[in-house]
Amino acid sequence: MILTSNRGFAEWGDVFGDHVVATALLDRLLHHAVVVQIEGSSYRMRQHADLLPEHSRSSSPINPPPTPKRRGRPPSKAPADQEYG
């Protein structure tokens, strides 16, 4: 499932009108989730940049999101008595 939002998690309490409900929802939603945060100007709005006022245009370039961190158990290490060579 992919869920997108233009609001940060801190704002969800205001959106739902109840911070307790928003916290419970986020707790269940984010459990085992991978969150990808994308920052920068919109691909869609780039096509209409000449229609936007100068002060509302984003000067930051569109960059790919950082590679997500690996989750789960780290790989096991070789025993100390086993040497390579």
Protein backbone atom coordinates (compact mmCIF):
# COMPACT_ATOMS: atom_id res chain seq x y z
CA MET A 1 0.00 0.00 0.00
CA ILE A 2 1.29 3.45 -0.85
CA LEU A 3 -0.03 6.44 1.07
CA THR A 4 0.92 10.00 0.15
CA SER A 5 0.36 13.24 1.98
CA ASN A 6 1.43 16.83 1.63
CA ARG A 7 1.32 17.23 5.43
CA GLY A 8 3.98 16.29 7.94
CA PHE A 9 3.18 13.84 10.72
CA ALA A 10 3.11 16.68 13.27
CA GLU A 11 0.21 18.27 11.38
CA TRP A 12 -2.02 15.19 11.30
CA GLY A 13 -3.57 16.04 14.68
CA ASP A 14 -4.83 19.33 13.25
CA VAL A 15 -6.07 17.61 10.09
CA PHE A 16 -8.10 15.01 12.02
CA GLY A 17 -9.08 17.46 14.75
CA ASP A 18 -7.79 15.16 17.51
CA HIS A 19 -4.12 14.65 18.33
CA VAL A 20 -4.77 11.41 20.26
CA VAL A 21 -6.57 9.83 17.30
CA ALA A 22 -3.86 11.01 14.90
CA THR A 23 -1.13 9.56 17.13
CA ALA A 24 -2.91 6.20 17.35
CA LEU A 25 -3.45 6.16 13.59
CA LEU A 26 0.19 7.00 12.86
CA ASP A 27 1.37 4.39 15.37
CA ARG A 28 -0.50 1.66 13.51
CA LEU A 29 0.23 3.02 10.06
CA LEU A 30 3.98 3.43 10.53
CA HIS A 31 4.59 0.09 12.24
CA HIS A 32 6.82 -1.86 9.78
CA ALA A 33 6.47 0.97 7.24
CA VAL A 34 9.15 2.49 5.05
CA VAL A 35 8.77 6.26 4.96
CA VAL A 36 10.13 8.07 1.92
CA GLN A 37 10.22 11.82 2.31
CA ILE A 38 10.50 13.74 -0.94
CA GLU A 39 11.50 17.37 -0.83
CA GLY A 40 11.77 19.88 -3.63
CA SER A 41 9.57 21.36 -6.28
CA SER A 42 6.72 19.44 -7.84
CA TYR A 43 7.16 17.74 -11.22
CA ARG A 44 3.62 18.76 -12.16
CA MET A 45 4.05 22.39 -11.11
CA ARG A 46 7.28 22.63 -13.08
CA GLN A 47 5.19 22.53 -16.28
CA HIS A 48 3.27 25.60 -15.07
CA ALA A 49 6.14 27.52 -13.47
CA ASP A 50 5.47 30.60 -15.59
CA LEU A 51 1.97 30.84 -14.07
CA LEU A 52 3.22 30.91 -10.46
CA PRO A 53 4.21 34.13 -8.70
CA GLU A 54 7.99 34.49 -8.30
CA HIS A 55 7.89 34.29 -4.46
CA SER A 56 6.15 30.90 -4.45
CA ARG A 57 8.56 29.15 -6.82
CA SER A 58 10.94 26.68 -5.24
CA SER A 59 14.60 27.25 -5.96
CA SER A 60 15.63 23.79 -4.79
CA PRO A 61 16.27 21.20 -7.50
CA ILE A 62 14.39 17.92 -7.54
CA ASN A 63 16.62 15.26 -6.04
CA PRO A 64 15.87 11.58 -5.57
CA PRO A 65 15.12 10.56 -1.98
CA PRO A 66 17.98 9.06 0.02
CA THR A 67 18.38 5.30 -0.04
CA PRO A 68 16.32 3.85 2.82
CA LYS A 69 18.20 2.21 5.66
CA ARG A 70 18.17 -1.58 5.78
CA ARG A 71 15.82 -3.05 8.32
CA GLY A 72 16.08 -6.31 10.15
CA ARG A 73 18.86 -8.30 11.71
CA PRO A 74 22.39 -7.40 10.61
CA PRO A 75 24.37 -10.11 8.83
CA SER A 76 26.21 -12.45 11.18
CA LYS A 77 29.96 -12.07 11.45
CA ALA A 78 32.43 -14.89 10.95
CA PRO A 79 33.66 -16.51 14.18
CA ALA A 80 36.85 -14.99 15.64
CA ASP A 81 38.83 -18.24 15.21
CA GLN A 82 38.08 -18.36 11.48
CA GLU A 83 40.64 -16.28 9.61
CA TYR A 84 40.93 -15.48 5.96
CA GLY A 85 44.10 -15.88 4.05
